[in-house]
Amino acid sequence: MILSPPLKTETTGRWQYVPFGSANLSNTLINAELFDEYRIGIVPIILGKGRQLFTPEHKQQHLKLIENHHTATDCVIVRYRRDRSAETDN
């Protein structure tokens, strides 16, 4: 697992951390509702098995597509921001 050094965004002045390669850490942060934004890389290979990023125990979150990028190797990188205004307490 890699956790980037904190990055300060120019637009908001807020600090951000970017975890790479750890499903366990990502699940912990998702369950604690600490992700404001998701950047997901999609590789065009179907394995038929593997670890799910989003599992049934996660609380439903509304996401808004912010950006998508198609690479030269047919991968797609999508960026979603959490839309807290669309979420309601049940």
N, C-alpha and C. Protein backbone atom coordinates (compact mmCIF):
# COMPACT_ATOMS: atom_id res chain seq x y z
N MET A 1 0.84 -1.17 0.00
CA MET A 1 0.00 0.00 0.00
C MET A 1 0.88 1.23 0.00
N ILE A 2 0.49 2.22 -0.74
CA ILE A 2 1.20 3.48 -0.80
C ILE A 2 0.22 4.58 -0.44
N LEU A 3 0.64 5.47 0.46
CA LEU A 3 -0.15 6.66 0.79
C LEU A 3 0.70 7.85 0.41
N SER A 4 0.19 8.65 -0.50
CA SER A 4 0.98 9.78 -0.99
C SER A 4 1.23 10.78 0.14
N PRO A 5 2.28 11.59 -0.01
CA PRO A 5 2.43 12.71 0.93
C PRO A 5 1.22 13.62 0.76
N PRO A 6 0.87 14.37 1.79
CA PRO A 6 -0.30 15.25 1.63
C PRO A 6 -0.06 16.28 0.55
N LEU A 7 -1.10 16.50 -0.25
CA LEU A 7 -1.06 17.48 -1.33
C LEU A 7 -2.04 18.59 -0.99
N LYS A 8 -1.64 19.82 -1.17
CA LYS A 8 -2.55 20.94 -0.92
C LYS A 8 -3.10 21.40 -2.26
N THR A 9 -4.42 21.36 -2.40
CA THR A 9 -5.02 21.75 -3.67
C THR A 9 -5.02 23.26 -3.81
N GLU A 10 -4.79 23.71 -5.03
CA GLU A 10 -4.74 25.15 -5.27
C GLU A 10 -6.13 25.78 -5.21
N THR A 11 -7.15 25.04 -5.65
CA THR A 11 -8.48 25.64 -5.74
C THR A 11 -9.16 25.77 -4.38
N THR A 12 -8.98 24.76 -3.50
CA THR A 12 -9.67 24.81 -2.21
C THR A 12 -8.75 25.13 -1.06
N GLY A 13 -7.43 24.94 -1.24
CA GLY A 13 -6.50 25.15 -0.15
C GLY A 13 -6.55 24.04 0.88
N ARG A 14 -7.29 22.95 0.59
CA ARG A 14 -7.41 21.81 1.50
C ARG A 14 -6.33 20.79 1.21
N TRP A 15 -5.96 20.03 2.22
CA TRP A 15 -4.99 18.95 2.07
C TRP A 15 -5.70 17.70 1.62
N GLN A 16 -5.02 16.90 0.79
CA GLN A 16 -5.60 15.64 0.35
C GLN A 16 -4.54 14.54 0.42
N TYR A 17 -5.00 13.34 0.69
CA TYR A 17 -4.16 12.15 0.68
C TYR A 17 -4.69 11.22 -0.39
N VAL A 18 -3.79 10.49 -1.04
CA VAL A 18 -4.20 9.59 -2.11
C VAL A 18 -3.67 8.19 -1.80
N PRO A 19 -4.56 7.24 -1.42
CA PRO A 19 -4.08 5.87 -1.20
C PRO A 19 -4.05 5.09 -2.51
N PHE A 20 -3.01 4.29 -2.69
CA PHE A 20 -2.88 3.46 -3.88
C PHE A 20 -2.66 2.01 -3.46
N GLY A 21 -3.42 1.10 -4.03
CA GLY A 21 -3.11 -0.31 -3.94
C GLY A 21 -3.50 -1.04 -2.68
N SER A 22 -4.37 -0.51 -1.86
CA SER A 22 -4.77 -1.23 -0.66
C SER A 22 -6.28 -1.26 -0.55
N ALA A 23 -6.86 -2.42 -0.84
CA ALA A 23 -8.31 -2.56 -0.71
C ALA A 23 -8.73 -2.45 0.76
N ASN A 24 -7.90 -2.99 1.66
CA ASN A 24 -8.24 -2.92 3.09
C ASN A 24 -8.28 -1.48 3.58
N LEU A 25 -7.25 -0.70 3.25
CA LEU A 25 -7.25 0.71 3.67
C LEU A 25 -8.40 1.46 3.02
N SER A 26 -8.62 1.23 1.73
CA SER A 26 -9.72 1.91 1.05
C SER A 26 -11.06 1.58 1.69
N ASN A 27 -11.30 0.31 2.02
CA ASN A 27 -12.56 -0.07 2.67
C ASN A 27 -12.71 0.61 4.02
N THR A 28 -11.63 0.70 4.78
CA THR A 28 -11.68 1.38 6.08
C THR A 28 -12.05 2.85 5.90
N LEU A 29 -11.43 3.52 4.92
CA LEU A 29 -11.71 4.93 4.69
C LEU A 29 -13.12 5.14 4.13
N ILE A 30 -13.58 4.23 3.26
CA ILE A 30 -14.94 4.33 2.73
C ILE A 30 -15.95 4.17 3.86
N ASN A 31 -15.76 3.17 4.72
CA ASN A 31 -16.70 2.94 5.82
C ASN A 31 -16.72 4.10 6.81
N ALA A 32 -15.60 4.79 6.96
CA ALA A 32 -15.54 5.95 7.85
C ALA A 32 -16.01 7.23 7.15
N GLU A 33 -16.45 7.09 5.89
CA GLU A 33 -16.93 8.21 5.08
C GLU A 33 -15.89 9.32 4.95
N LEU A 34 -14.64 8.93 4.72
CA LEU A 34 -13.55 9.89 4.62
C LEU A 34 -13.15 10.22 3.18
N PHE A 35 -13.76 9.56 2.21
CA PHE A 35 -13.48 9.89 0.81
C PHE A 35 -14.46 10.95 0.34
N ASP A 36 -13.93 12.04 -0.20
CA ASP A 36 -14.76 13.05 -0.85
C ASP A 36 -14.77 12.84 -2.35
N GLU A 37 -13.75 12.12 -2.84
CA GLU A 37 -13.60 11.95 -4.27
C GLU A 37 -13.00 10.57 -4.55
N TYR A 38 -13.46 9.96 -5.64
CA TYR A 38 -12.95 8.66 -6.07
C TYR A 38 -12.34 8.80 -7.44
N ARG A 39 -11.13 8.29 -7.62
CA ARG A 39 -10.49 8.19 -8.93
C ARG A 39 -10.26 6.71 -9.18
N ILE A 40 -10.93 6.19 -10.17
CA ILE A 40 -10.93 4.75 -10.41
C ILE A 40 -10.42 4.48 -11.82
N GLY A 41 -9.44 3.60 -11.90
CA GLY A 41 -8.90 3.18 -13.19
C GLY A 41 -9.56 1.87 -13.59
N ILE A 42 -10.04 1.81 -14.81
CA ILE A 42 -10.71 0.61 -15.32
C ILE A 42 -9.85 0.04 -16.44
N VAL A 43 -9.41 -1.20 -16.24
CA VAL A 43 -8.57 -1.89 -17.22
C VAL A 43 -9.45 -2.90 -17.95
N PRO A 44 -9.38 -2.95 -19.29
CA PRO A 44 -10.29 -3.81 -20.05
C PRO A 44 -9.91 -5.29 -20.02
N ILE A 45 -9.88 -5.86 -18.83
CA ILE A 45 -9.62 -7.29 -18.65
C ILE A 45 -10.65 -7.82 -17.65
N ILE A 46 -11.33 -8.90 -18.00
CA ILE A 46 -12.29 -9.51 -17.09
C ILE A 46 -11.64 -10.73 -16.47
N LEU A 47 -11.45 -10.67 -15.16
CA LEU A 47 -10.79 -11.77 -14.46
C LEU A 47 -11.79 -12.79 -13.92
N GLY A 48 -13.00 -12.32 -13.62
CA GLY A 48 -14.01 -13.23 -13.08
C GLY A 48 -13.87 -13.44 -11.58
N LYS A 49 -12.88 -12.83 -10.99
CA LYS A 49 -12.70 -12.94 -9.54
C LYS A 49 -11.88 -11.74 -9.10
N GLY A 50 -11.73 -11.62 -7.80
CA GLY A 50 -10.95 -10.51 -7.27
C GLY A 50 -11.72 -9.80 -6.17
N ARG A 51 -11.09 -8.85 -5.60
CA ARG A 51 -11.67 -8.11 -4.48
C ARG A 51 -12.52 -6.96 -5.00
N GLN A 52 -13.73 -6.83 -4.45
CA GLN A 52 -14.62 -5.75 -4.86
C GLN A 52 -14.21 -4.46 -4.15
N LEU A 53 -14.27 -3.36 -4.88
CA LEU A 53 -14.01 -2.06 -4.26
C LEU A 53 -15.19 -1.64 -3.39
N PHE A 54 -16.39 -1.80 -3.91
CA PHE A 54 -17.60 -1.45 -3.16
C PHE A 54 -18.33 -2.74 -2.82
N THR A 55 -18.59 -2.95 -1.55
CA THR A 55 -19.20 -4.18 -1.07
C THR A 55 -20.55 -3.88 -0.43
N PRO A 56 -21.38 -4.89 -0.21
CA PRO A 56 -22.73 -4.66 0.34
C PRO A 56 -22.75 -3.95 1.69
N GLU A 57 -21.68 -4.06 2.48
CA GLU A 57 -21.73 -3.42 3.81
C GLU A 57 -21.47 -1.91 3.75
N HIS A 58 -21.09 -1.38 2.58
CA HIS A 58 -20.88 0.05 2.47
C HIS A 58 -22.21 0.79 2.44
N LYS A 59 -22.25 1.91 3.11
CA LYS A 59 -23.42 2.78 3.07
C LYS A 59 -23.54 3.37 1.66
N GLN A 60 -24.76 3.47 1.17
CA GLN A 60 -24.98 4.04 -0.16
C GLN A 60 -24.49 5.48 -0.19
N GLN A 61 -23.79 5.82 -1.24
CA GLN A 61 -23.31 7.18 -1.45
C GLN A 61 -23.70 7.62 -2.86
N HIS A 62 -24.08 8.87 -2.98
CA HIS A 62 -24.38 9.44 -4.29
C HIS A 62 -23.11 10.09 -4.83
N LEU A 63 -22.77 9.73 -6.06
CA LEU A 63 -21.55 10.25 -6.68
C LEU A 63 -21.91 11.01 -7.95
N LYS A 64 -21.10 12.01 -8.25
CA LYS A 64 -21.28 12.80 -9.46
C LYS A 64 -20.01 12.69 -10.29
N LEU A 65 -20.17 12.32 -11.57
CA LEU A 65 -19.02 12.19 -12.46
C LEU A 65 -18.43 13.58 -12.71
N ILE A 66 -17.14 13.72 -12.42
CA ILE A 66 -16.45 14.99 -12.59
C ILE A 66 -15.60 14.98 -13.86
N GLU A 67 -14.99 13.82 -14.14
CA GLU A 67 -14.06 13.76 -15.26
C GLU A 67 -13.90 12.31 -15.69
N ASN A 68 -13.63 12.10 -16.97
CA ASN A 68 -13.23 10.78 -17.44
C ASN A 68 -12.16 10.95 -18.50
N HIS A 69 -11.28 9.96 -18.55
CA HIS A 69 -10.14 10.03 -19.47
C HIS A 69 -9.90 8.65 -20.05
N HIS A 70 -9.82 8.57 -21.36
CA HIS A 70 -9.55 7.33 -22.07
C HIS A 70 -8.08 7.34 -22.46
N THR A 71 -7.33 6.31 -22.05
CA THR A 71 -5.90 6.26 -22.33
C THR A 71 -5.62 5.57 -23.67
N ALA A 72 -4.39 5.67 -24.12
CA ALA A 72 -3.98 5.04 -25.38
C ALA A 72 -4.00 3.51 -25.29
N THR A 73 -3.98 2.98 -24.08
CA THR A 73 -4.01 1.52 -23.90
C THR A 73 -5.41 1.02 -23.57
N ASP A 74 -6.43 1.79 -23.90
CA ASP A 74 -7.84 1.45 -23.71
C ASP A 74 -8.28 1.36 -22.25
N CYS A 75 -7.51 1.92 -21.36
CA CYS A 75 -7.96 2.03 -19.97
C CYS A 75 -8.81 3.30 -19.87
N VAL A 76 -9.67 3.33 -18.87
CA VAL A 76 -10.50 4.50 -18.62
C VAL A 76 -10.27 4.90 -17.17
N ILE A 77 -10.03 6.17 -16.96
CA ILE A 77 -9.88 6.70 -15.61
C ILE A 77 -11.05 7.63 -15.37
N VAL A 78 -11.83 7.32 -14.34
CA VAL A 78 -13.00 8.14 -14.02
C VAL A 78 -12.78 8.81 -12.67
N ARG A 79 -13.33 9.99 -12.55
CA ARG A 79 -13.22 10.75 -11.30
C ARG A 79 -14.62 11.13 -10.87
N TYR A 80 -14.99 10.67 -9.67
CA TYR A 80 -16.29 10.97 -9.10
C TYR A 80 -16.11 11.76 -7.82
N ARG A 81 -17.00 12.70 -7.59
CA ARG A 81 -17.03 13.44 -6.33
C ARG A 81 -18.31 13.06 -5.60
N ARG A 82 -18.19 12.91 -4.32
CA ARG A 82 -19.35 12.57 -3.50
C ARG A 82 -20.32 13.74 -3.49
N ASP A 83 -21.60 13.45 -3.74
CA ASP A 83 -22.64 14.46 -3.77
C ASP A 83 -23.43 14.36 -2.47
N ARG A 84 -22.93 15.01 -1.44
CA ARG A 84 -23.56 14.93 -0.12
C ARG A 84 -24.95 15.60 -0.10
N SER A 85 -25.19 16.53 -1.02
CA SER A 85 -26.50 17.20 -1.04
C SER A 85 -27.60 16.22 -1.47
N ALA A 86 -27.26 15.16 -2.18
CA ALA A 86 -28.25 14.18 -2.64
C ALA A 86 -28.49 13.07 -1.61
N GLU A 87 -27.66 13.06 -0.56
CA GLU A 87 -27.78 12.00 0.44
C GLU A 87 -28.70 12.44 1.56
N THR A 88 -29.48 11.50 2.04
CA THR A 88 -30.38 11.77 3.16
C THR A 88 -30.14 10.73 4.25
N ASP A 89 -30.37 11.11 5.47
CA ASP A 89 -30.27 10.15 6.57
C ASP A 89 -31.52 9.31 6.60
N ASN A 90 -31.34 7.99 6.65
CA ASN A 90 -32.49 7.08 6.68
C ASN A 90 -32.77 6.66 8.09
